[in-house]
N, C-alpha and C. Protein backbone atom coordinates (compact mmCIF):
# COMPACT_ATOMS: atom_id res chain seq x y z
N UNK A 1 41.78 57.91 -74.94
CA UNK A 1 40.92 56.94 -73.55
C UNK A 1 41.22 55.40 -74.69
N UNK A 2 40.56 55.36 -75.78
CA UNK A 2 40.11 54.58 -77.11
C UNK A 2 41.46 53.81 -77.71
N UNK A 3 42.90 54.74 -77.77
CA UNK A 3 44.03 53.49 -78.04
C UNK A 3 44.73 53.29 -77.03
N UNK A 4 44.73 53.13 -74.81
CA UNK A 4 44.23 52.14 -74.84
C UNK A 4 44.26 50.82 -74.11
N UNK A 5 42.68 50.81 -75.19
CA UNK A 5 41.95 49.95 -74.96
C UNK A 5 41.92 49.39 -76.10
N UNK A 6 42.66 50.14 -77.45
CA UNK A 6 43.32 48.81 -78.36
C UNK A 6 44.23 48.55 -78.31
N UNK A 7 45.37 49.15 -77.33
CA UNK A 7 46.48 47.90 -76.75
C UNK A 7 46.25 47.08 -75.95
N UNK A 8 44.99 47.11 -75.46
CA UNK A 8 44.63 46.45 -74.10
C UNK A 8 43.83 44.78 -74.76
N UNK A 9 43.83 45.15 -76.15
CA UNK A 9 43.07 44.23 -76.81
C UNK A 9 43.89 43.47 -77.27
N UNK A 10 45.07 44.41 -77.94
CA UNK A 10 45.94 43.44 -79.05
C UNK A 10 46.92 42.64 -77.60
N UNK A 11 46.89 43.15 -76.83
CA UNK A 11 48.17 42.13 -76.15
C UNK A 11 46.91 40.62 -75.36
N UNK A 12 45.83 41.25 -75.51
CA UNK A 12 44.66 40.03 -74.93
C UNK A 12 45.12 38.95 -76.81
N UNK A 13 44.62 39.28 -77.75
CA UNK A 13 44.96 38.61 -78.23
C UNK A 13 46.56 37.97 -78.65
N UNK A 14 47.67 38.61 -78.56
CA UNK A 14 49.00 38.10 -78.75
C UNK A 14 48.70 36.80 -77.23
N UNK A 15 48.98 37.64 -76.02
CA UNK A 15 48.82 36.30 -75.00
C UNK A 15 47.78 35.30 -75.19
N UNK A 16 46.15 35.09 -75.68
CA UNK A 16 45.37 34.05 -75.88
C UNK A 16 46.33 33.58 -77.51
N UNK A 17 46.87 34.08 -77.87
CA UNK A 17 47.45 33.10 -79.07
C UNK A 17 48.74 32.42 -79.16
N UNK A 18 49.14 33.11 -77.81
CA UNK A 18 50.83 32.47 -77.58
C UNK A 18 50.50 30.04 -77.19
N UNK A 19 49.97 30.05 -76.49
CA UNK A 19 49.38 28.44 -75.87
C UNK A 19 49.29 27.98 -77.47
N UNK A 20 48.34 27.70 -78.08
CA UNK A 20 48.32 27.13 -79.09
C UNK A 20 48.97 27.34 -79.99
N UNK A 21 50.12 28.32 -80.73
CA UNK A 21 51.53 28.34 -81.45
C UNK A 21 52.15 28.20 -81.06
N UNK A 22 52.68 28.14 -79.25
CA UNK A 22 53.43 27.55 -78.41
C UNK A 22 53.63 25.64 -79.23
N UNK A 23 52.26 25.35 -78.04
CA UNK A 23 52.12 24.08 -78.06
C UNK A 23 50.41 23.62 -77.61
N UNK A 24 49.93 23.40 -79.30
CA UNK A 24 48.52 23.31 -79.63
C UNK A 24 48.21 22.03 -79.66
N UNK A 25 49.41 21.03 -78.97
CA UNK A 25 48.60 19.93 -78.16
C UNK A 25 48.03 19.63 -76.89
N UNK A 26 48.91 20.86 -76.13
CA UNK A 26 48.70 21.10 -75.14
C UNK A 26 47.14 21.83 -74.94
N UNK A 27 46.98 22.75 -76.04
CA UNK A 27 46.11 23.85 -75.53
C UNK A 27 44.78 23.03 -76.35
N UNK A 28 44.93 22.06 -77.19
CA UNK A 28 43.59 21.35 -77.10
C UNK A 28 43.25 21.08 -76.14
N UNK A 29 43.64 20.15 -75.40
CA UNK A 29 43.73 19.21 -73.80
C UNK A 29 43.13 19.92 -73.43
N UNK A 30 43.68 21.16 -73.71
CA UNK A 30 42.78 21.91 -72.34
C UNK A 30 41.72 23.20 -72.59
N UNK A 31 41.10 23.12 -74.15
CA UNK A 31 40.07 23.14 -74.79
C UNK A 31 39.46 22.61 -74.70
N UNK A 32 39.57 20.48 -74.48
CA UNK A 32 38.57 20.08 -73.92
C UNK A 32 38.64 19.96 -72.44
N UNK A 33 39.36 20.15 -72.04
CA UNK A 33 38.64 20.04 -70.00
C UNK A 33 38.15 21.86 -70.28
N UNK A 34 38.00 22.08 -70.53
CA UNK A 34 36.95 23.29 -70.48
C UNK A 34 35.41 23.19 -70.97
N UNK A 35 35.68 22.28 -72.51
CA UNK A 35 34.04 22.17 -72.63
C UNK A 35 33.75 20.87 -72.08
N UNK A 36 34.44 20.00 -71.03
CA UNK A 36 33.02 19.43 -70.36
C UNK A 36 32.88 19.83 -68.92
N UNK A 37 33.47 20.74 -68.57
CA UNK A 37 33.53 21.98 -67.18
C UNK A 37 31.90 22.42 -67.14
N UNK A 38 31.45 22.48 -65.90
CA UNK A 38 30.09 23.65 -65.86
C UNK A 38 29.79 24.78 -66.74
N UNK A 39 28.71 25.04 -66.02
CA UNK A 39 28.86 26.36 -66.84
C UNK A 39 29.05 26.80 -66.01
N UNK A 40 28.68 26.51 -64.56
CA UNK A 40 29.08 27.29 -63.46
C UNK A 40 30.36 27.23 -63.07
N UNK A 41 31.41 26.12 -63.26
CA UNK A 41 32.19 26.31 -62.73
C UNK A 41 33.39 27.40 -63.99
N UNK A 42 32.97 27.49 -65.27
CA UNK A 42 33.56 28.73 -65.92
C UNK A 42 33.04 29.89 -65.68
N UNK A 43 31.88 30.03 -65.46
CA UNK A 43 31.52 31.59 -65.06
C UNK A 43 32.49 31.71 -63.67
N UNK A 44 32.87 31.06 -62.84
CA UNK A 44 33.44 31.29 -61.25
C UNK A 44 34.75 31.32 -61.94
N UNK A 45 35.43 31.39 -63.53
CA UNK A 45 37.00 30.92 -63.31
C UNK A 45 36.91 32.32 -64.14
N UNK A 46 36.03 32.67 -64.75
CA UNK A 46 35.75 34.00 -65.51
C UNK A 46 36.14 35.32 -64.63
N UNK A 47 34.99 34.96 -63.32
CA UNK A 47 34.86 35.93 -62.55
C UNK A 47 36.19 36.09 -61.66
N UNK A 48 36.35 35.25 -61.21
CA UNK A 48 37.75 35.14 -60.83
C UNK A 48 39.02 36.14 -61.78
N UNK A 49 39.18 35.94 -62.84
CA UNK A 49 40.05 36.28 -63.89
C UNK A 49 39.56 37.53 -64.04
N UNK A 50 38.71 37.86 -63.86
CA UNK A 50 38.03 39.38 -63.87
C UNK A 50 38.25 40.40 -63.26
N UNK A 51 38.20 39.08 -61.72
CA UNK A 51 38.68 40.28 -60.23
C UNK A 51 40.27 40.33 -60.25
N UNK A 52 41.08 39.56 -60.71
CA UNK A 52 42.62 39.44 -60.62
C UNK A 52 43.01 40.93 -61.44
N UNK A 53 42.10 41.22 -62.98
CA UNK A 53 42.28 41.55 -63.63
C UNK A 53 42.34 42.96 -63.20
N UNK A 54 41.08 43.53 -63.04
CA UNK A 54 40.81 44.83 -61.92
C UNK A 54 42.37 45.60 -60.93
N UNK A 55 42.39 44.03 -59.95
CA UNK A 55 43.06 44.41 -58.81
C UNK A 55 44.24 44.83 -60.01
N UNK A 56 44.85 44.21 -60.44
CA UNK A 56 46.44 44.04 -61.00
C UNK A 56 45.72 45.43 -61.75
N UNK A 57 44.58 46.18 -63.22
CA UNK A 57 44.97 47.28 -63.63
C UNK A 57 45.12 48.41 -62.55
N UNK A 58 43.84 47.98 -61.16
CA UNK A 58 43.75 49.43 -60.42
C UNK A 58 45.50 49.62 -59.39
N UNK A 59 46.51 48.04 -59.16
CA UNK A 59 47.54 48.50 -58.96
C UNK A 59 48.71 49.22 -60.09
N UNK A 60 48.42 49.14 -61.22
CA UNK A 60 49.25 49.64 -61.79
C UNK A 60 48.77 50.79 -62.26
N UNK A 61 47.69 51.63 -62.20
CA UNK A 61 47.07 52.85 -62.30
C UNK A 61 46.83 53.58 -60.86
């Protein structure tokens, strides 16, 4: 179980690091747009991402 969590964390870091590595200017614009969003918008996007992740995890397992 712990090994799977470490693998998941490693994959998360790899995917999160791809955008700034491949296209740093686009990543900078994206972060600026996110900073301008309201807290409610960010929470909604985070909740949607978590739900989609859970669905994918359920389908894979």
